[in-house]
Amino acid sequence: MVAKMDAQRALLKHFLAAIAYRTQKALRGAPATGYRKKPFLVSRFSLGTIAPNEKRETAFPSAEQLLQGPLADTMTHVGQLAMLRRLASSPVPPENFVRAKISASNLGPDQPAPAAPDPGWSPDLPPPAPGKGVPPSW
């Protein structure tokens, strides 16, 4: 039972780290547009305060409940940030997230640079059509 809880806790921490990484990627280099005169304050975003705490004494939702509720909502919102970047003509470069340097010990704003950005990516080129693969020019 303890081993299962430790495995779930480790998986949740890694998921939080993936959220932090993807959020920083969506926010890094975001243009100051409209009413904002300064870039978004990326340093205000940190997941460290909501990470599962081994010393917590009160009842905590199960790993399944966290994944199906607030963590799924958070990942959806990260995708919305990336979509808004594209709508603002400043798309987030694609990346192979399987190769990303994500660490469960890093939930803050200082995330590593992309580990495997797609070669030949250009914000001026449209994305490939679904199922068509990457055009030879990329």
C-alpha atoms as a PDB file:
ATOM      1  CA  MET A   1       0.000   0.000   0.000  1.00  0.00           C
ATOM      2  CA  VAL A   2       2.804   2.438   0.908  1.00  0.00           C
ATOM      3  CA  ALA A   3       4.701   1.591  -2.284  1.00  0.00           C
ATOM      4  CA  LYS A   4       1.575   2.322  -4.354  1.00  0.00           C
ATOM      5  CA  MET A   5       1.099   5.683  -2.615  1.00  0.00           C
ATOM      6  CA  ASP A   6       4.762   6.574  -3.186  1.00  0.00           C
ATOM      7  CA  ALA A   7       4.459   5.683  -6.880  1.00  0.00           C
ATOM      8  CA  GLN A   8       1.298   7.793  -7.211  1.00  0.00           C
ATOM      9  CA  ARG A   9       2.934  10.712  -5.398  1.00  0.00           C
ATOM     10  CA  ALA A  10       5.965  10.501  -7.696  1.00  0.00           C
ATOM     11  CA  LEU A  11       3.725  10.427 -10.769  1.00  0.00           C
ATOM     12  CA  LEU A  12       1.747  13.455  -9.536  1.00  0.00           C
ATOM     13  CA  LYS A  13       4.941  15.388  -8.869  1.00  0.00           C
ATOM     14  CA  HIS A  14       6.172  14.589 -12.363  1.00  0.00           C
ATOM     15  CA  PHE A  15       2.845  15.694 -13.840  1.00  0.00           C
ATOM     16  CA  LEU A  16       3.087  18.990 -11.926  1.00  0.00           C
ATOM     17  CA  ALA A  17       6.603  19.424 -13.294  1.00  0.00           C
ATOM     18  CA  ALA A  18       5.309  18.777 -16.825  1.00  0.00           C
ATOM     19  CA  ILE A  19       2.643  21.449 -16.275  1.00  0.00           C
ATOM     20  CA  ALA A  20       5.298  23.892 -15.040  1.00  0.00           C
ATOM     21  CA  TYR A  21       7.529  23.141 -18.046  1.00  0.00           C
ATOM     22  CA  ARG A  22       4.738  23.505 -20.602  1.00  0.00           C
ATOM     23  CA  THR A  23       3.411  26.669 -18.953  1.00  0.00           C
ATOM     24  CA  GLN A  24       6.819  28.316 -19.019  1.00  0.00           C
ATOM     25  CA  LYS A  25       7.213  27.269 -22.660  1.00  0.00           C
ATOM     26  CA  ALA A  26       3.866  28.896 -23.518  1.00  0.00           C
ATOM     27  CA  LEU A  27       4.773  32.093 -21.651  1.00  0.00           C
ATOM     28  CA  ARG A  28       8.458  32.415 -22.607  1.00  0.00           C
ATOM     29  CA  GLY A  29       8.854  35.164 -25.185  1.00  0.00           C
ATOM     30  CA  ALA A  30       5.183  36.134 -25.138  1.00  0.00           C
ATOM     31  CA  PRO A  31       4.784  39.556 -26.709  1.00  0.00           C
ATOM     32  CA  ALA A  32       3.522  42.562 -24.809  1.00  0.00           C
ATOM     33  CA  THR A  33       0.345  43.414 -26.696  1.00  0.00           C
ATOM     34  CA  GLY A  34      -2.765  45.496 -26.236  1.00  0.00           C
ATOM     35  CA  TYR A  35      -3.091  47.205 -22.898  1.00  0.00           C
ATOM     36  CA  ARG A  36      -0.027  45.484 -21.457  1.00  0.00           C
ATOM     37  CA  LYS A  37       3.163  47.476 -21.798  1.00  0.00           C
ATOM     38  CA  LYS A  38       5.386  44.829 -20.227  1.00  0.00           C
ATOM     39  CA  PRO A  39       5.724  41.080 -20.862  1.00  0.00           C
ATOM     40  CA  PHE A  40       3.718  38.757 -18.627  1.00  0.00           C
ATOM     41  CA  LEU A  41       5.419  38.261 -15.210  1.00  0.00           C
ATOM     42  CA  VAL A  42       6.428  34.633 -15.726  1.00  0.00           C
ATOM     43  CA  SER A  43       8.140  34.499 -12.331  1.00  0.00           C
ATOM     44  CA  ARG A  44       4.759  34.698 -10.567  1.00  0.00           C
ATOM     45  CA  PHE A  45       3.836  31.226 -11.776  1.00  0.00           C
ATOM     46  CA  SER A  46       4.937  28.433  -9.484  1.00  0.00           C
ATOM     47  CA  LEU A  47       3.454  25.058  -8.693  1.00  0.00           C
ATOM     48  CA  GLY A  48       5.611  24.435  -5.643  1.00  0.00           C
ATOM     49  CA  THR A  49       2.843  25.432  -3.267  1.00  0.00           C
ATOM     50  CA  ILE A  50       0.384  22.837  -4.574  1.00  0.00           C
ATOM     51  CA  ALA A  51       2.745  19.893  -4.864  1.00  0.00           C
ATOM     52  CA  PRO A  52       1.685  16.799  -2.919  1.00  0.00           C
ATOM     53  CA  ASN A  53       3.175  17.076   0.531  1.00  0.00           C
ATOM     54  CA  GLU A  54       4.382  13.962   2.315  1.00  0.00           C
ATOM     55  CA  LYS A  55       3.832  15.646   5.707  1.00  0.00           C
ATOM     56  CA  ARG A  56       0.212  16.705   5.074  1.00  0.00           C
ATOM     57  CA  GLU A  57      -2.022  15.455   7.864  1.00  0.00           C
ATOM     58  CA  THR A  58      -5.436  16.376   6.450  1.00  0.00           C
ATOM     59  CA  ALA A  59      -7.325  14.308   3.901  1.00  0.00           C
ATOM     60  CA  PHE A  60      -6.060  14.871   0.384  1.00  0.00           C
ATOM     61  CA  PRO A  61      -7.942  13.909  -2.782  1.00  0.00           C
ATOM     62  CA  SER A  62      -6.798  10.706  -4.421  1.00  0.00           C
ATOM     63  CA  ALA A  63      -4.352  10.770  -7.329  1.00  0.00           C
ATOM     64  CA  GLU A  64      -7.195   9.877  -9.669  1.00  0.00           C
ATOM     65  CA  GLN A  65      -9.333  12.763  -8.368  1.00  0.00           C
ATOM     66  CA  LEU A  66      -6.450  15.225  -8.755  1.00  0.00           C
ATOM     67  CA  LEU A  67      -5.776  14.075 -12.318  1.00  0.00           C
ATOM     68  CA  GLN A  68      -9.422  14.117 -13.431  1.00  0.00           C
ATOM     69  CA  GLY A  69     -10.129  17.482 -11.806  1.00  0.00           C
ATOM     70  CA  PRO A  70      -7.722  20.343 -11.168  1.00  0.00           C
ATOM     71  CA  LEU A  71      -4.680  18.926 -12.956  1.00  0.00           C
ATOM     72  CA  ALA A  72      -6.619  18.169 -16.146  1.00  0.00           C
ATOM     73  CA  ASP A  73      -8.114  21.670 -15.992  1.00  0.00           C
ATOM     74  CA  THR A  74      -4.658  23.171 -15.578  1.00  0.00           C
ATOM     75  CA  MET A  75      -3.239  21.320 -18.573  1.00  0.00           C
ATOM     76  CA  THR A  76      -6.228  22.495 -20.630  1.00  0.00           C
ATOM     77  CA  HIS A  77      -5.485  26.099 -19.663  1.00  0.00           C
ATOM     78  CA  VAL A  78      -1.826  25.694 -20.616  1.00  0.00           C
ATOM     79  CA  GLY A  79      -2.988  24.607 -24.064  1.00  0.00           C
ATOM     80  CA  GLN A  80      -5.222  27.664 -24.214  1.00  0.00           C
ATOM     81  CA  LEU A  81      -2.220  29.895 -23.464  1.00  0.00           C
ATOM     82  CA  ALA A  82      -0.362  28.331 -26.379  1.00  0.00           C
ATOM     83  CA  MET A  83      -3.397  28.817 -28.622  1.00  0.00           C
ATOM     84  CA  LEU A  84      -3.668  32.478 -27.620  1.00  0.00           C
ATOM     85  CA  ARG A  85      -0.001  32.932 -28.544  1.00  0.00           C
ATOM     86  CA  ARG A  86      -0.760  31.647 -32.055  1.00  0.00           C
ATOM     87  CA  LEU A  87      -3.769  33.976 -32.324  1.00  0.00           C
ATOM     88  CA  ALA A  88      -1.466  36.864 -31.329  1.00  0.00           C
ATOM     89  CA  SER A  89       0.833  35.935 -34.277  1.00  0.00           C
ATOM     90  CA  SER A  90       3.503  34.694 -31.880  1.00  0.00           C
ATOM     91  CA  PRO A  91       3.144  30.896 -31.924  1.00  0.00           C
ATOM     92  CA  VAL A  92       5.021  28.703 -29.491  1.00  0.00           C
ATOM     93  CA  PRO A  93       7.644  26.618 -31.322  1.00  0.00           C
ATOM     94  CA  PRO A  94       6.775  22.917 -31.447  1.00  0.00           C
ATOM     95  CA  GLU A  95       8.827  20.503 -29.405  1.00  0.00           C
ATOM     96  CA  ASN A  96       9.086  16.788 -28.746  1.00  0.00           C
ATOM     97  CA  PHE A  97       7.974  16.783 -25.093  1.00  0.00           C
ATOM     98  CA  VAL A  98       9.059  13.165 -24.639  1.00  0.00           C
ATOM     99  CA  ARG A  99      12.662  14.444 -24.735  1.00  0.00           C
ATOM    100  CA  ALA A 100      12.036  17.484 -22.531  1.00  0.00           C
ATOM    101  CA  LYS A 101      14.224  17.872 -19.441  1.00  0.00           C
ATOM    102  CA  ILE A 102      11.400  17.724 -16.898  1.00  0.00           C
ATOM    103  CA  SER A 103      12.257  17.182 -13.249  1.00  0.00           C
ATOM    104  CA  ALA A 104       9.802  16.580 -10.416  1.00  0.00           C
ATOM    105  CA  SER A 105      12.055  18.704  -8.204  1.00  0.00           C
ATOM    106  CA  ASN A 106      11.600  21.761 -10.449  1.00  0.00           C
ATOM    107  CA  LEU A 107       8.097  23.219 -10.169  1.00  0.00           C
ATOM    108  CA  GLY A 108       9.118  26.862 -10.438  1.00  0.00           C
ATOM    109  CA  PRO A 109       9.531  29.340 -13.261  1.00  0.00           C
ATOM    110  CA  ASP A 110      13.169  28.506 -14.094  1.00  0.00           C
ATOM    111  CA  GLN A 111      12.528  25.722 -16.570  1.00  0.00           C
ATOM    112  CA  PRO A 112      15.170  24.464 -19.007  1.00  0.00           C
ATOM    113  CA  ALA A 113      15.206  25.459 -22.656  1.00  0.00           C
ATOM    114  CA  PRO A 114      13.518  23.096 -25.142  1.00  0.00           C
ATOM    115  CA  ALA A 115      15.478  19.865 -25.439  1.00  0.00           C
ATOM    116  CA  ALA A 116      14.375  18.845 -28.917  1.00  0.00           C
ATOM    117  CA  PRO A 117      12.767  21.653 -30.877  1.00  0.00           C
ATOM    118  CA  ASP A 118      11.476  20.660 -34.284  1.00  0.00           C
ATOM    119  CA  PRO A 119      14.119  21.456 -36.915  1.00  0.00           C
ATOM    120  CA  GLY A 120      13.099  23.871 -39.616  1.00  0.00           C
ATOM    121  CA  TRP A 121      10.119  25.222 -37.716  1.00  0.00           C
ATOM    122  CA  SER A 122       9.051  28.712 -38.735  1.00  0.00           C
ATOM    123  CA  PRO A 123       6.167  30.773 -37.367  1.00  0.00           C
ATOM    124  CA  ASP A 124       5.584  32.009 -40.932  1.00  0.00           C
ATOM    125  CA  LEU A 125       4.701  28.539 -42.227  1.00  0.00           C
ATOM    126  CA  PRO A 126       1.300  26.985 -41.539  1.00  0.00           C
ATOM    127  CA  PRO A 127       1.220  23.734 -39.595  1.00  0.00           C
ATOM    128  CA  PRO A 128       0.988  20.577 -41.713  1.00  0.00           C
ATOM    129  CA  ALA A 129      -2.465  19.216 -42.442  1.00  0.00           C
ATOM    130  CA  PRO A 130      -3.563  16.407 -40.087  1.00  0.00           C
ATOM    131  CA  GLY A 131      -2.228  13.058 -41.264  1.00  0.00           C
ATOM    132  CA  LYS A 132       0.010  14.602 -43.902  1.00  0.00           C
ATOM    133  CA  GLY A 133       3.205  14.634 -41.874  1.00  0.00           C
ATOM    134  CA  VAL A 134       5.880  17.274 -42.048  1.00  0.00           C
ATOM    135  CA  PRO A 135       6.396  18.930 -45.446  1.00  0.00           C
ATOM    136  CA  PRO A 136       9.804  18.317 -47.050  1.00  0.00           C
ATOM    137  CA  SER A 137      10.649  22.023 -46.734  1.00  0.00           C
ATOM    138  CA  TRP A 138      10.663  21.680 -42.942  1.00  0.00           C
END
